[in-house]
Amino acid sequence: SMGWYRQAPGKQRELVASITRNSNTNYADSVKGRFT
């Protein structure tokens, strides 16, 4: 799988979105509908 994480100053790194070899995707609730 590959994905994108993000980290803002003073905050922990969080998952933004990921995609598996089988094309399953996972998104953070905060970006659903906006990020692909």
All heavy atoms as atom14 arrays in JSON, in Angstrom:
{
  "sequence": "SMGWYRQAPGKQRELVASITRNSNTNYADSVKGRFT",
  "atom14_mask": [
    [1, 1, 1, 1, 1, 1, 0, 0, 0, 0, 0, 0, 0, 0],
    [1, 1, 1, 1, 1, 1, 1, 1, 0, 0, 0, 0, 0, 0],
    [1, 1, 1, 1, 0, 0, 0, 0, 0, 0, 0, 0, 0, 0],
    [1, 1, 1, 1, 1, 1, 1, 1, 1, 1, 1, 1, 1, 1],
    [1, 1, 1, 1, 1, 1, 1, 1, 1, 1, 1, 1, 0, 0],
    [1, 1, 1, 1, 1, 1, 1, 1, 1, 1, 1, 0, 0, 0],
    [1, 1, 1, 1, 1, 1, 1, 1, 1, 0, 0, 0, 0, 0],
    [1, 1, 1, 1, 1, 0, 0, 0, 0, 0, 0, 0, 0, 0],
    [1, 1, 1, 1, 1, 1, 1, 0, 0, 0, 0, 0, 0, 0],
    [1, 1, 1, 1, 0, 0, 0, 0, 0, 0, 0, 0, 0, 0],
    [1, 1, 1, 1, 1, 1, 1, 1, 1, 0, 0, 0, 0, 0],
    [1, 1, 1, 1, 1, 1, 1, 1, 1, 0, 0, 0, 0, 0],
    [1, 1, 1, 1, 1, 1, 1, 1, 1, 1, 1, 0, 0, 0],
    [1, 1, 1, 1, 1, 1, 1, 1, 1, 0, 0, 0, 0, 0],
    [1, 1, 1, 1, 1, 1, 1, 1, 0, 0, 0, 0, 0, 0],
    [1, 1, 1, 1, 1, 1, 1, 0, 0, 0, 0, 0, 0, 0],
    [1, 1, 1, 1, 1, 0, 0, 0, 0, 0, 0, 0, 0, 0],
    [1, 1, 1, 1, 1, 1, 0, 0, 0, 0, 0, 0, 0, 0],
    [1, 1, 1, 1, 1, 1, 1, 1, 0, 0, 0, 0, 0, 0],
    [1, 1, 1, 1, 1, 1, 1, 0, 0, 0, 0, 0, 0, 0],
    [1, 1, 1, 1, 1, 1, 1, 1, 1, 1, 1, 0, 0, 0],
    [1, 1, 1, 1, 1, 1, 1, 1, 0, 0, 0, 0, 0, 0],
    [1, 1, 1, 1, 1, 1, 0, 0, 0, 0, 0, 0, 0, 0],
    [1, 1, 1, 1, 1, 1, 1, 1, 0, 0, 0, 0, 0, 0],
    [1, 1, 1, 1, 1, 1, 1, 0, 0, 0, 0, 0, 0, 0],
    [1, 1, 1, 1, 1, 1, 1, 1, 0, 0, 0, 0, 0, 0],
    [1, 1, 1, 1, 1, 1, 1, 1, 1, 1, 1, 1, 0, 0],
    [1, 1, 1, 1, 1, 0, 0, 0, 0, 0, 0, 0, 0, 0],
    [1, 1, 1, 1, 1, 1, 1, 1, 0, 0, 0, 0, 0, 0],
    [1, 1, 1, 1, 1, 1, 0, 0, 0, 0, 0, 0, 0, 0],
    [1, 1, 1, 1, 1, 1, 1, 0, 0, 0, 0, 0, 0, 0],
    [1, 1, 1, 1, 1, 1, 1, 1, 1, 0, 0, 0, 0, 0],
    [1, 1, 1, 1, 0, 0, 0, 0, 0, 0, 0, 0, 0, 0],
    [1, 1, 1, 1, 1, 1, 1, 1, 1, 1, 1, 0, 0, 0],
    [1, 1, 1, 1, 1, 1, 1, 1, 1, 1, 1, 0, 0, 0],
    [1, 1, 1, 1, 1, 1, 1, 0, 0, 0, 0, 0, 0, 0]
  ],
  "atom14_positions": [
    [[0.83, -1.18, 0.0], [0.0, 0.0, 0.0], [0.87, 1.24, 0.0], [2.03, 1.21, 0.42], [-0.94, 0.02, 1.21], [-0.22, 0.15, 2.41], [0.0, 0.0, 0.0], [0.0, 0.0, 0.0], [0.0, 0.0, 0.0], [0.0, 0.0, 0.0], [0.0, 0.0, 0.0], [0.0, 0.0, 0.0], [0.0, 0.0, 0.0], [0.0, 0.0, 0.0]],
    [[0.3, 2.32, -0.46], [0.95, 3.62, -0.39], [-0.06, 4.63, 0.11], [-1.27, 4.45, -0.06], [1.51, 4.04, -1.75], [2.64, 3.15, -2.24], [3.4, 3.74, -3.78], [4.22, 5.23, -3.19], [0.0, 0.0, 0.0], [0.0, 0.0, 0.0], [0.0, 0.0, 0.0], [0.0, 0.0, 0.0], [0.0, 0.0, 0.0], [0.0, 0.0, 0.0]],
    [[0.44, 5.66, 0.71], [-0.47, 6.65, 1.24], [0.2, 7.96, 1.53], [1.41, 8.13, 1.32], [0.0, 0.0, 0.0], [0.0, 0.0, 0.0], [0.0, 0.0, 0.0], [0.0, 0.0, 0.0], [0.0, 0.0, 0.0], [0.0, 0.0, 0.0], [0.0, 0.0, 0.0], [0.0, 0.0, 0.0], [0.0, 0.0, 0.0], [0.0, 0.0, 0.0]],
    [[-0.62, 8.87, 1.97], [-0.16, 10.19, 2.37], [-0.53, 10.45, 3.81], [-1.67, 10.21, 4.22], [-0.77, 11.28, 1.48], [-0.23, 11.28, 0.09], [-0.73, 10.64, -1.0], [0.95, 11.96, -0.36], [0.04, 10.88, -2.1], [1.08, 11.68, -1.74], [1.89, 12.78, 0.26], [2.12, 12.2, -2.51], [2.93, 13.28, -0.5], [3.04, 12.99, -1.86]],
    [[0.43, 10.92, 4.56], [0.24, 11.35, 5.93], [0.59, 12.83, 6.0], [1.29, 13.36, 5.14], [1.12, 10.55, 6.89], [0.73, 9.1, 7.05], [0.9, 8.19, 6.02], [0.19, 8.64, 8.26], [0.55, 6.85, 6.17], [-0.16, 7.31, 8.42], [0.02, 6.43, 7.37], [-0.33, 5.11, 7.53], [0.0, 0.0, 0.0], [0.0, 0.0, 0.0]],
    [[0.12, 13.47, 7.03], [0.48, 14.87, 7.22], [0.73, 15.15, 8.69], [0.21, 14.48, 9.57], [-0.6, 15.81, 6.68], [-1.92, 15.77, 7.43], [-2.97, 16.61, 6.71], [-4.24, 16.62, 7.41], [-5.35, 17.13, 6.92], [-5.35, 17.7, 5.71], [-6.48, 17.11, 7.63], [0.0, 0.0, 0.0], [0.0, 0.0, 0.0], [0.0, 0.0, 0.0]],
    [[1.53, 16.16, 8.91], [1.87, 16.56, 10.27], [1.95, 18.07, 10.35], [2.74, 18.7, 9.65], [3.19, 15.94, 10.71], [3.53, 16.15, 12.17], [4.69, 15.29, 12.63], [5.51, 14.86, 11.83], [4.74, 15.02, 13.92], [0.0, 0.0, 0.0], [0.0, 0.0, 0.0], [0.0, 0.0, 0.0], [0.0, 0.0, 0.0], [0.0, 0.0, 0.0]],
    [[1.12, 18.63, 11.19], [1.14, 20.05, 11.47], [2.0, 20.3, 12.7], [2.18, 19.4, 13.53], [-0.28, 20.58, 11.68], [0.0, 0.0, 0.0], [0.0, 0.0, 0.0], [0.0, 0.0, 0.0], [0.0, 0.0, 0.0], [0.0, 0.0, 0.0], [0.0, 0.0, 0.0], [0.0, 0.0, 0.0], [0.0, 0.0, 0.0], [0.0, 0.0, 0.0]],
    [[2.53, 21.5, 12.86], [3.37, 21.79, 14.02], [2.65, 21.49, 15.33], [1.51, 21.88, 15.53], [3.66, 23.29, 13.88], [3.57, 23.55, 12.41], [2.45, 22.65, 11.94], [0.0, 0.0, 0.0], [0.0, 0.0, 0.0], [0.0, 0.0, 0.0], [0.0, 0.0, 0.0], [0.0, 0.0, 0.0], [0.0, 0.0, 0.0], [0.0, 0.0, 0.0]],
    [[3.34, 20.77, 16.21], [2.78, 20.44, 17.5], [1.77, 19.31, 17.5], [1.2, 19.0, 18.55], [0.0, 0.0, 0.0], [0.0, 0.0, 0.0], [0.0, 0.0, 0.0], [0.0, 0.0, 0.0], [0.0, 0.0, 0.0], [0.0, 0.0, 0.0], [0.0, 0.0, 0.0], [0.0, 0.0, 0.0], [0.0, 0.0, 0.0], [0.0, 0.0, 0.0]],
    [[1.53, 18.71, 16.34], [0.57, 17.64, 16.26], [1.22, 16.36, 15.75], [2.29, 16.38, 15.15], [-0.59, 18.03, 15.33], [-1.45, 19.16, 15.84], [-2.66, 19.37, 14.97], [-3.58, 20.44, 15.53], [-4.79, 20.63, 14.69], [0.0, 0.0, 0.0], [0.0, 0.0, 0.0], [0.0, 0.0, 0.0], [0.0, 0.0, 0.0], [0.0, 0.0, 0.0]],
    [[0.56, 15.26, 16.02], [1.05, 13.96, 15.61], [0.76, 13.73, 14.12], [-0.23, 14.24, 13.58], [0.41, 12.87, 16.46], [1.11, 11.53, 16.39], [0.67, 10.59, 17.5], [1.42, 9.71, 17.89], [-0.52, 10.77, 18.02], [0.0, 0.0, 0.0], [0.0, 0.0, 0.0], [0.0, 0.0, 0.0], [0.0, 0.0, 0.0], [0.0, 0.0, 0.0]],
    [[1.61, 12.97, 13.51], [1.4, 12.62, 12.12], [0.13, 11.79, 11.98], [-0.11, 10.86, 12.76], [2.61, 11.85, 11.57], [2.57, 11.58, 10.09], [3.86, 10.92, 9.62], [5.03, 11.74, 9.87], [6.26, 11.44, 9.46], [6.48, 10.34, 8.77], [7.27, 12.25, 9.75], [0.0, 0.0, 0.0], [0.0, 0.0, 0.0], [0.0, 0.0, 0.0]],
    [[-0.69, 12.12, 10.99], [-1.95, 11.43, 10.81], [-2.11, 10.97, 9.37], [-1.61, 11.59, 8.43], [-3.12, 12.34, 11.19], [-3.27, 13.56, 10.31], [-4.51, 14.38, 10.61], [-5.32, 13.95, 11.45], [-4.67, 15.46, 10.01], [0.0, 0.0, 0.0], [0.0, 0.0, 0.0], [0.0, 0.0, 0.0], [0.0, 0.0, 0.0], [0.0, 0.0, 0.0]],
    [[-2.84, 9.9, 9.22], [-3.15, 9.4, 7.89], [-4.12, 10.33, 7.19], [-5.15, 10.72, 7.76], [-3.75, 7.99, 7.98], [-4.26, 7.41, 6.66], [-3.11, 7.09, 5.72], [-5.11, 6.17, 6.91], [0.0, 0.0, 0.0], [0.0, 0.0, 0.0], [0.0, 0.0, 0.0], [0.0, 0.0, 0.0], [0.0, 0.0, 0.0], [0.0, 0.0, 0.0]],
    [[-3.82, 10.66, 5.96], [-4.72, 11.44, 5.12], [-5.48, 10.51, 4.19], [-6.72, 10.55, 4.12], [-3.97, 12.5, 4.31], [-4.93, 13.27, 3.4], [-3.22, 13.45, 5.24], [0.0, 0.0, 0.0], [0.0, 0.0, 0.0], [0.0, 0.0, 0.0], [0.0, 0.0, 0.0], [0.0, 0.0, 0.0], [0.0, 0.0, 0.0], [0.0, 0.0, 0.0]],
    [[-4.76, 9.69, 3.47], [-5.37, 8.76, 2.53], [-4.38, 7.67, 2.2], [-3.17, 7.89, 2.21], [-5.82, 9.47, 1.25], [0.0, 0.0, 0.0], [0.0, 0.0, 0.0], [0.0, 0.0, 0.0], [0.0, 0.0, 0.0], [0.0, 0.0, 0.0], [0.0, 0.0, 0.0], [0.0, 0.0, 0.0], [0.0, 0.0, 0.0], [0.0, 0.0, 0.0]],
    [[-4.89, 6.5, 1.9], [-4.04, 5.39, 1.5], [-4.75, 4.57, 0.44], [-5.98, 4.61, 0.31], [-3.67, 4.51, 2.7], [-4.81, 3.89, 3.25], [0.0, 0.0, 0.0], [0.0, 0.0, 0.0], [0.0, 0.0, 0.0], [0.0, 0.0, 0.0], [0.0, 0.0, 0.0], [0.0, 0.0, 0.0], [0.0, 0.0, 0.0], [0.0, 0.0, 0.0]],
    [[-3.96, 3.83, -0.29], [-4.5, 2.95, -1.32], [-3.68, 1.68, -1.35], [-2.45, 1.71, -1.29], [-4.52, 3.65, -2.7], [-5.19, 2.76, -3.76], [-3.12, 4.07, -3.13], [-5.52, 3.5, -5.04], [0.0, 0.0, 0.0], [0.0, 0.0, 0.0], [0.0, 0.0, 0.0], [0.0, 0.0, 0.0], [0.0, 0.0, 0.0], [0.0, 0.0, 0.0]],
    [[-4.36, 0.55, -1.41], [-3.69, -0.74, -1.38], [-3.44, -1.26, -2.78], [-3.91, -0.69, -3.78], [-4.51, -1.78, -0.61], [-5.68, -2.12, -1.38], [-4.92, -1.26, 0.76], [0.0, 0.0, 0.0], [0.0, 0.0, 0.0], [0.0, 0.0, 0.0], [0.0, 0.0, 0.0], [0.0, 0.0, 0.0], [0.0, 0.0, 0.0], [0.0, 0.0, 0.0]],
    [[-2.72, -2.37, -2.84], [-2.46, -3.02, -4.11], [-3.76, -3.41, -4.8], [-3.84, -3.44, -6.04], [-1.58, -4.25, -3.87], [-1.26, -5.05, -5.08], [-0.4, -6.25, -4.73], [0.95, -5.87, -4.33], [1.9, -6.74, -4.0], [1.64, -8.04, -4.01], [3.1, -6.3, -3.66], [0.0, 0.0, 0.0], [0.0, 0.0, 0.0], [0.0, 0.0, 0.0]],
    [[-4.79, -3.7, -4.01], [-6.1, -4.07, -4.55], [-7.01, -2.88, -4.8], [-8.2, -3.06, -5.04], [-6.79, -5.04, -3.59], [-6.03, -6.34, -3.42], [-5.41, -6.83, -4.36], [-6.07, -6.9, -2.22], [0.0, 0.0, 0.0], [0.0, 0.0, 0.0], [0.0, 0.0, 0.0], [0.0, 0.0, 0.0], [0.0, 0.0, 0.0], [0.0, 0.0, 0.0]],
    [[-6.45, -1.68, -4.71], [-7.16, -0.44, -4.98], [-8.19, -0.07, -3.92], [-9.07, 0.76, -4.17], [-7.83, -0.48, -6.36], [-6.86, -0.6, -7.39], [0.0, 0.0, 0.0], [0.0, 0.0, 0.0], [0.0, 0.0, 0.0], [0.0, 0.0, 0.0], [0.0, 0.0, 0.0], [0.0, 0.0, 0.0], [0.0, 0.0, 0.0], [0.0, 0.0, 0.0]],
    [[-8.09, -0.66, -2.75], [-8.92, -0.22, -1.65], [-8.37, 1.09, -1.1], [-7.16, 1.22, -0.9], [-8.95, -1.26, -0.53], [-9.6, -2.56, -0.97], [-9.02, -3.63, -0.83], [-10.81, -2.46, -1.5], [0.0, 0.0, 0.0], [0.0, 0.0, 0.0], [0.0, 0.0, 0.0], [0.0, 0.0, 0.0], [0.0, 0.0, 0.0], [0.0, 0.0, 0.0]],
    [[-9.23, 2.03, -0.85], [-8.81, 3.33, -0.37], [-9.34, 3.6, 1.02], [-10.38, 3.06, 1.44], [-9.27, 4.45, -1.31], [-10.7, 4.4, -1.46], [-8.62, 4.29, -2.67], [0.0, 0.0, 0.0], [0.0, 0.0, 0.0], [0.0, 0.0, 0.0], [0.0, 0.0, 0.0], [0.0, 0.0, 0.0], [0.0, 0.0, 0.0], [0.0, 0.0, 0.0]],
    [[-8.63, 4.44, 1.72], [-9.02, 4.85, 3.06], [-8.7, 6.33, 3.21], [-7.61, 6.76, 2.84], [-8.29, 4.02, 4.12], [-8.79, 4.28, 5.52], [-9.97, 4.54, 5.72], [-7.9, 4.2, 6.5], [0.0, 0.0, 0.0], [0.0, 0.0, 0.0], [0.0, 0.0, 0.0], [0.0, 0.0, 0.0], [0.0, 0.0, 0.0], [0.0, 0.0, 0.0]],
    [[-9.65, 7.08, 3.74], [-9.48, 8.52, 3.9], [-9.78, 8.95, 5.32], [-10.65, 8.39, 5.99], [-10.42, 9.28, 2.97], [-10.17, 9.1, 1.5], [-10.82, 8.11, 0.78], [-9.28, 9.93, 0.82], [-10.59, 7.94, -0.57], [-9.05, 9.77, -0.53], [-9.7, 8.78, -1.23], [-9.48, 8.62, -2.57], [0.0, 0.0, 0.0], [0.0, 0.0, 0.0]],
    [[-9.05, 9.96, 5.74], [-9.42, 10.61, 6.99], [-10.78, 11.28, 6.82], [-11.1, 11.79, 5.74], [-8.37, 11.64, 7.38], [0.0, 0.0, 0.0], [0.0, 0.0, 0.0], [0.0, 0.0, 0.0], [0.0, 0.0, 0.0], [0.0, 0.0, 0.0], [0.0, 0.0, 0.0], [0.0, 0.0, 0.0], [0.0, 0.0, 0.0], [0.0, 0.0, 0.0]],
    [[-11.56, 11.28, 7.88], [-12.88, 11.89, 7.8], [-12.82, 13.35, 7.37], [-13.71, 13.84, 6.67], [-13.59, 11.79, 9.15], [-14.02, 10.38, 9.48], [-14.12, 9.54, 8.56], [-14.28, 10.1, 10.66], [0.0, 0.0, 0.0], [0.0, 0.0, 0.0], [0.0, 0.0, 0.0], [0.0, 0.0, 0.0], [0.0, 0.0, 0.0], [0.0, 0.0, 0.0]],
    [[-11.77, 14.03, 7.76], [-11.66, 15.45, 7.48], [-11.43, 15.77, 6.01], [-11.61, 16.92, 5.59], [-10.53, 16.07, 8.31], [-9.29, 15.45, 8.01], [0.0, 0.0, 0.0], [0.0, 0.0, 0.0], [0.0, 0.0, 0.0], [0.0, 0.0, 0.0], [0.0, 0.0, 0.0], [0.0, 0.0, 0.0], [0.0, 0.0, 0.0], [0.0, 0.0, 0.0]],
    [[-11.04, 14.77, 5.21], [-10.75, 15.03, 3.81], [-11.69, 14.29, 2.87], [-11.6, 14.48, 1.64], [-9.29, 14.69, 3.45], [-8.34, 15.4, 4.4], [-9.06, 13.18, 3.47], [0.0, 0.0, 0.0], [0.0, 0.0, 0.0], [0.0, 0.0, 0.0], [0.0, 0.0, 0.0], [0.0, 0.0, 0.0], [0.0, 0.0, 0.0], [0.0, 0.0, 0.0]],
    [[-12.57, 13.48, 3.39], [-13.49, 12.74, 2.54], [-14.33, 13.68, 1.69], [-14.87, 14.67, 2.18], [-14.4, 11.85, 3.39], [-13.71, 10.64, 3.97], [-14.68, 9.8, 4.8], [-13.99, 8.57, 5.37], [-14.89, 7.78, 6.24], [0.0, 0.0, 0.0], [0.0, 0.0, 0.0], [0.0, 0.0, 0.0], [0.0, 0.0, 0.0], [0.0, 0.0, 0.0]],
    [[-14.42, 13.37, 0.42], [-15.17, 14.19, -0.5], [-14.36, 15.31, -1.11], [-14.82, 15.94, -2.07], [0.0, 0.0, 0.0], [0.0, 0.0, 0.0], [0.0, 0.0, 0.0], [0.0, 0.0, 0.0], [0.0, 0.0, 0.0], [0.0, 0.0, 0.0], [0.0, 0.0, 0.0], [0.0, 0.0, 0.0], [0.0, 0.0, 0.0], [0.0, 0.0, 0.0]],
    [[-13.18, 15.58, -0.56], [-12.34, 16.65, -1.08], [-11.04, 16.13, -1.7], [-10.56, 16.7, -2.68], [-11.98, 17.65, 0.03], [-13.19, 18.33, 0.65], [-12.77, 19.45, 1.59], [-12.0, 18.94, 2.73], [-10.76, 19.32, 3.02], [-10.13, 20.21, 2.27], [-10.14, 18.81, 4.09], [0.0, 0.0, 0.0], [0.0, 0.0, 0.0], [0.0, 0.0, 0.0]],
    [[-10.49, 15.08, -1.11], [-9.22, 14.53, -1.58], [-9.46, 13.2, -2.27], [-10.36, 12.43, -1.89], [-8.26, 14.3, -0.42], [-7.75, 15.55, 0.25], [-8.25, 16.8, -0.05], [-6.74, 15.45, 1.2], [-7.78, 17.94, 0.57], [-6.26, 16.58, 1.83], [-6.77, 17.83, 1.53], [0.0, 0.0, 0.0], [0.0, 0.0, 0.0], [0.0, 0.0, 0.0]],
    [[-8.65, 12.91, -3.26], [-8.71, 11.64, -3.96], [-7.31, 11.1, -4.14], [-6.44, 11.79, -4.66], [-9.39, 11.78, -5.33], [-10.7, 12.32, -5.18], [-9.49, 10.41, -6.01], [0.0, 0.0, 0.0], [0.0, 0.0, 0.0], [0.0, 0.0, 0.0], [0.0, 0.0, 0.0], [0.0, 0.0, 0.0], [0.0, 0.0, 0.0], [0.0, 0.0, 0.0]]
  ]
}
